[in-house]
Amino acid sequence: MDSVLHRLDPRTKLFGTMVFIISLFLSDSLAGYGVATVFLIAAVRLSKVPFKFIVRGLKAIVAILLISVSFNMFLTPGRVLFQLGFLKLTWEGLRMAGFMALRLIYLVIGSSIMTLTTTPNELTDGLEKSLGFLNKVGMPVHEVAMMMSIALRFIPILVEETDKIMKAQMARGADFESGNLIQKAKSMVPLLVPLFISAFRRATDLAMAMEARCYRGGAGRTKMKPLHYAGRDRVTYGVYAVYLAAIVATRVLVG
């Protein structure tokens, strides 16, 4: 897939995601979240990624979302709208719960746009380039970026391995669904043990392959695709500045 966001430098997308996250914590009014909504819709349209793929990540935070909204609704002091026993629904709690829900949903969608329009290699290269100044204080930025890249690559491999092991165990009579919580946790042991063994074996093989190829990280290494800023990246930074200024303005004038 090709779009304006796909062609942006990964450093530009990393910075934009950071700006968007900061703006969500700065917003404390409907006007602020309105500006964030317009920015997010524009990013979704420019990415050309189907919306159903972007919102898939929301499934993982449903429980956290419900808990956060419930706590804010019933435990925030203020003008009482409804009371049931010791639970008090206040106007301030309802307002805060709504903003909290929007904030969590927008955080997941904004992060998903970045990951869906950036390959793992581009992401780690952009992170390494952005944090290059930390080399001066002795932080091994290249090694950290390499670890992140390997971890990202291992995720789909481990998911596939988990599926294979689970099907093999179910074919041998293992039951992962029935029983209470403790029984379900115990039934996961036959799945976790071979999964960990497989993960450590793959990590060992990878380390031996890197040593056999005389891999040495750090200074002196070149990249097959060096990162360069283009005109569209500079324009995008300008858009970030306007967006952040609009968020600050809504906080000062409306908040």
Protein backbone atom coordinates (compact mmCIF):
# COMPACT_ATOMS: atom_id res chain seq x y z
CA MET A 1 0.00 0.00 0.00
CA ASP A 2 1.24 3.46 -0.89
CA SER A 3 0.10 6.73 0.63
CA VAL A 4 1.45 10.06 1.82
CA LEU A 5 1.97 8.65 5.33
CA HIS A 6 3.73 5.55 4.01
CA ARG A 7 6.24 7.76 2.18
CA LEU A 8 7.04 9.95 5.19
CA ASP A 9 10.34 9.54 7.01
CA PRO A 10 9.85 7.26 10.07
CA ARG A 11 11.32 10.01 12.29
CA THR A 12 8.54 12.32 11.13
CA LYS A 13 5.91 9.73 12.04
CA LEU A 14 7.49 9.01 15.41
CA PHE A 15 7.57 12.71 16.24
CA GLY A 16 4.00 13.15 15.01
CA THR A 17 2.79 10.29 17.21
CA MET A 18 4.53 11.85 20.20
CA VAL A 19 2.95 15.25 19.43
CA PHE A 20 -0.48 13.62 19.13
CA ILE A 21 -0.09 11.82 22.48
CA ILE A 22 1.02 15.04 24.19
CA SER A 23 -1.91 16.92 22.66
CA LEU A 24 -4.39 14.39 24.09
CA PHE A 25 -3.11 15.03 27.60
CA LEU A 26 -3.20 18.79 27.01
CA SER A 27 -6.80 18.74 25.79
CA ASP A 28 -9.38 19.28 28.52
CA SER A 29 -12.39 20.58 26.58
CA LEU A 30 -14.70 19.61 23.72
CA ALA A 31 -12.95 22.13 21.49
CA GLY A 32 -9.56 20.51 22.13
CA TYR A 33 -10.85 17.02 21.41
CA GLY A 34 -12.62 18.39 18.35
CA VAL A 35 -9.28 19.59 16.95
CA ALA A 36 -7.71 16.20 17.81
CA THR A 37 -10.59 14.42 16.07
CA VAL A 38 -10.12 16.43 12.86
CA PHE A 39 -6.36 15.70 12.95
CA LEU A 40 -6.96 11.98 13.53
CA ILE A 41 -9.57 11.70 10.75
CA ALA A 42 -7.18 13.43 8.34
CA ALA A 43 -4.40 10.99 9.30
CA VAL A 44 -6.70 7.99 8.79
CA ARG A 45 -7.80 9.26 5.36
CA LEU A 46 -4.23 10.01 4.27
CA SER A 47 -2.98 6.59 5.41
CA LYS A 48 -5.44 4.77 3.07
CA VAL A 49 -5.51 1.91 5.61
CA PRO A 50 -8.99 0.34 6.02
CA PHE A 51 -10.56 1.61 9.22
CA LYS A 52 -11.39 -1.92 10.41
CA PHE A 53 -7.67 -2.73 10.57
CA ILE A 54 -6.98 0.42 12.55
CA VAL A 55 -9.62 -0.25 15.22
CA ARG A 56 -8.57 -3.87 15.76
CA GLY A 57 -6.26 -2.75 18.54
CA LEU A 58 -9.24 -1.48 20.54
CA LYS A 59 -10.21 -5.05 21.44
CA ALA A 60 -7.16 -5.31 23.70
CA ILE A 61 -8.14 -2.30 25.82
CA VAL A 62 -11.86 -2.96 26.28
CA ALA A 63 -11.37 -4.15 29.88
CA ILE A 64 -9.04 -1.26 30.75
CA LEU A 65 -11.46 1.17 29.10
CA LEU A 66 -14.45 -0.10 31.07
CA ILE A 67 -12.56 -0.04 34.38
CA SER A 68 -11.20 3.48 33.80
CA VAL A 69 -14.59 4.85 32.74
CA SER A 70 -16.38 3.23 35.69
CA PHE A 71 -13.90 4.52 38.26
CA ASN A 72 -14.04 8.06 36.87
CA MET A 73 -17.83 8.08 36.64
CA PHE A 74 -18.58 6.93 40.16
CA LEU A 75 -15.56 8.00 42.23
CA THR A 76 -15.11 11.60 41.07
CA PRO A 77 -16.61 14.09 43.54
CA GLY A 78 -18.91 16.82 42.26
CA ARG A 79 -22.56 17.57 41.46
CA VAL A 80 -24.53 14.33 41.95
CA LEU A 81 -26.77 13.26 39.05
CA PHE A 82 -27.67 9.78 40.24
CA GLN A 83 -26.99 7.75 43.38
CA LEU A 84 -27.28 4.02 44.05
CA GLY A 85 -26.08 3.12 47.50
CA PHE A 86 -22.53 4.34 47.93
CA LEU A 87 -22.11 4.83 44.17
CA LYS A 88 -22.59 8.42 43.05
CA LEU A 89 -22.71 9.44 39.41
CA THR A 90 -21.53 13.05 39.18
CA TRP A 91 -21.45 15.50 36.30
CA GLU A 92 -17.71 15.99 36.77
CA GLY A 93 -17.19 12.22 36.79
CA LEU A 94 -19.27 11.77 33.64
CA ARG A 95 -17.26 14.49 31.89
CA MET A 96 -13.93 13.06 33.00
CA ALA A 97 -14.98 9.51 32.04
CA GLY A 98 -15.94 10.67 28.55
CA PHE A 99 -12.62 12.45 28.04
CA MET A 100 -10.72 9.44 29.43
CA ALA A 101 -12.49 7.07 27.03
CA LEU A 102 -11.76 9.34 24.06
CA ARG A 103 -8.14 9.70 25.15
CA LEU A 104 -7.54 5.93 25.35
CA ILE A 105 -9.33 5.24 22.05
CA TYR A 106 -7.44 8.01 20.24
CA LEU A 107 -4.12 6.81 21.71
CA VAL A 108 -4.64 3.32 20.30
CA ILE A 109 -5.86 4.55 16.89
CA GLY A 110 -3.02 7.09 16.58
CA SER A 111 -0.39 4.49 17.48
CA SER A 112 -1.97 1.97 15.09
CA ILE A 113 -1.72 4.41 12.19
CA MET A 114 2.03 4.73 12.78
CA THR A 115 2.66 0.98 13.04
CA LEU A 116 0.44 0.17 10.03
CA THR A 117 2.23 2.67 7.78
CA THR A 118 5.80 1.94 8.95
CA THR A 119 7.75 -1.30 8.61
CA PRO A 120 9.60 -2.64 11.69
CA ASN A 121 12.96 -1.88 10.05
CA GLU A 122 11.95 1.72 9.30
CA LEU A 123 10.63 2.11 12.82
CA THR A 124 13.83 0.92 14.50
CA ASP A 125 16.03 2.91 12.05
CA GLY A 126 14.03 6.04 12.80
CA LEU A 127 14.27 5.43 16.53
CA GLU A 128 18.00 4.83 16.33
CA LYS A 129 18.54 7.98 14.27
CA SER A 130 16.31 10.08 16.55
CA LEU A 131 18.08 8.91 19.73
CA GLY A 132 21.58 9.13 18.25
CA PHE A 133 22.48 11.98 20.60
CA LEU A 134 22.32 9.53 23.53
CA ASN A 135 25.48 7.86 22.24
CA LYS A 136 27.37 10.81 23.71
CA VAL A 137 26.32 9.78 27.22
CA GLY A 138 27.27 6.14 26.68
CA MET A 139 23.87 4.66 25.84
CA PRO A 140 24.12 1.85 23.22
CA VAL A 141 21.39 3.21 20.95
CA HIS A 142 22.15 0.87 18.05
CA GLU A 143 21.98 -2.22 20.28
CA VAL A 144 18.68 -1.07 21.82
CA ALA A 145 17.21 -0.45 18.36
CA MET A 146 18.41 -3.86 17.19
CA MET A 147 16.78 -5.53 20.21
CA MET A 148 13.49 -3.78 19.41
CA SER A 149 13.69 -4.84 15.78
CA ILE A 150 14.29 -8.47 16.70
CA ALA A 151 11.49 -8.39 19.30
CA LEU A 152 9.04 -7.02 16.71
CA ARG A 153 10.03 -9.74 14.26
CA PHE A 154 9.59 -12.44 16.90
CA ILE A 155 5.97 -11.47 17.70
CA PRO A 156 4.31 -13.02 14.58
CA ILE A 157 6.65 -16.02 14.82
CA LEU A 158 5.67 -16.69 18.43
CA VAL A 159 1.97 -16.20 17.64
CA GLU A 160 2.23 -18.81 14.87
CA GLU A 161 4.19 -21.13 17.15
CA THR A 162 1.56 -20.74 19.89
CA ASP A 163 -1.19 -21.69 17.45
CA LYS A 164 0.71 -24.79 16.32
CA ILE A 165 1.42 -25.94 19.90
CA MET A 166 -2.18 -25.31 20.99
CA LYS A 167 -3.58 -27.35 18.09
CA ALA A 168 -1.11 -30.16 18.81
CA GLN A 169 -2.06 -30.21 22.51
CA MET A 170 -5.79 -30.14 21.69
CA ALA A 171 -5.30 -33.08 19.33
CA ARG A 172 -3.84 -34.95 22.33
CA GLY A 173 -6.89 -34.17 24.47
CA ALA A 174 -5.86 -30.91 26.16
CA ASP A 175 -8.73 -28.62 27.18
CA PHE A 176 -8.02 -24.87 27.33
CA GLU A 177 -11.62 -23.65 27.60
CA SER A 178 -13.51 -25.40 30.41
CA GLY A 179 -13.03 -25.00 34.17
CA ASN A 180 -12.58 -22.05 36.50
CA LEU A 181 -9.81 -19.47 36.35
CA ILE A 182 -7.28 -21.58 38.29
CA GLN A 183 -7.97 -24.65 36.15
CA LYS A 184 -7.58 -22.60 32.98
CA ALA A 185 -4.26 -21.25 34.26
CA LYS A 186 -3.04 -24.78 35.00
CA SER A 187 -4.11 -25.95 31.54
CA MET A 188 -1.83 -23.31 30.01
CA VAL A 189 1.32 -24.95 31.44
CA PRO A 190 1.56 -27.57 28.64
CA LEU A 191 1.36 -24.65 26.20
CA LEU A 192 3.80 -22.23 27.85
CA VAL A 193 6.64 -24.68 28.52
CA PRO A 194 7.20 -25.75 24.87
CA LEU A 195 6.60 -22.14 23.75
CA PHE A 196 9.40 -20.85 26.00
CA ILE A 197 11.70 -23.67 24.92
CA SER A 198 11.02 -22.88 21.25
CA ALA A 199 11.58 -19.14 21.84
CA PHE A 200 14.94 -19.72 23.57
CA ARG A 201 15.99 -22.14 20.84
CA ARG A 202 15.18 -19.58 18.14
CA ALA A 203 17.04 -16.87 20.08
CA THR A 204 20.10 -19.10 20.40
CA ASP A 205 20.05 -19.95 16.69
CA LEU A 206 19.77 -16.26 15.82
CA ALA A 207 22.67 -15.33 18.11
CA MET A 208 24.88 -18.06 16.60
CA ALA A 209 23.96 -16.94 13.06
CA MET A 210 24.87 -13.33 13.88
CA GLU A 211 28.19 -14.39 15.42
CA ALA A 212 28.97 -16.62 12.42
CA ARG A 213 28.50 -13.58 10.18
CA CYS A 214 30.83 -11.52 12.41
CA TYR A 215 28.08 -9.08 13.32
CA ARG A 216 29.30 -6.09 15.29
CA GLY A 217 26.89 -3.29 16.16
CA GLY A 218 27.57 0.36 16.78
CA ALA A 219 29.69 2.91 14.94
CA GLY A 220 30.93 2.28 11.43
CA ARG A 221 27.91 0.36 10.16
CA THR A 222 26.13 1.64 7.07
CA LYS A 223 22.50 1.17 6.05
CA MET A 224 21.07 -0.14 2.82
CA LYS A 225 18.39 2.59 2.89
CA PRO A 226 19.71 5.72 4.64
CA LEU A 227 17.07 8.04 6.06
CA HIS A 228 16.69 11.44 4.39
CA TYR A 229 14.16 14.19 5.00
CA ALA A 230 12.14 15.25 1.94
CA GLY A 231 10.01 18.31 1.31
CA ARG A 232 6.86 16.52 2.47
CA ASP A 233 8.50 15.86 5.84
CA ARG A 234 9.20 19.56 6.37
CA VAL A 235 5.61 20.40 5.44
CA THR A 236 4.40 17.75 7.89
CA TYR A 237 6.46 19.28 10.71
CA GLY A 238 4.75 22.58 9.94
CA VAL A 239 1.35 20.87 10.21
CA TYR A 240 2.41 19.44 13.60
CA ALA A 241 3.32 22.92 14.80
CA VAL A 242 -0.05 24.36 13.69
CA TYR A 243 -1.93 21.45 15.28
CA LEU A 244 -0.11 21.75 18.61
CA ALA A 245 -0.63 25.53 18.62
CA ALA A 246 -4.38 24.97 18.06
CA ILE A 247 -4.52 22.53 20.98
CA VAL A 248 -2.71 24.97 23.28
CA ALA A 249 -5.03 27.77 22.12
CA THR A 250 -8.14 25.73 22.98
CA ARG A 251 -6.71 24.97 26.42
CA VAL A 252 -5.93 28.65 27.12
CA LEU A 253 -9.08 30.18 25.63
CA VAL A 254 -11.69 27.51 26.36
CA GLY A 255 -10.25 25.45 29.20
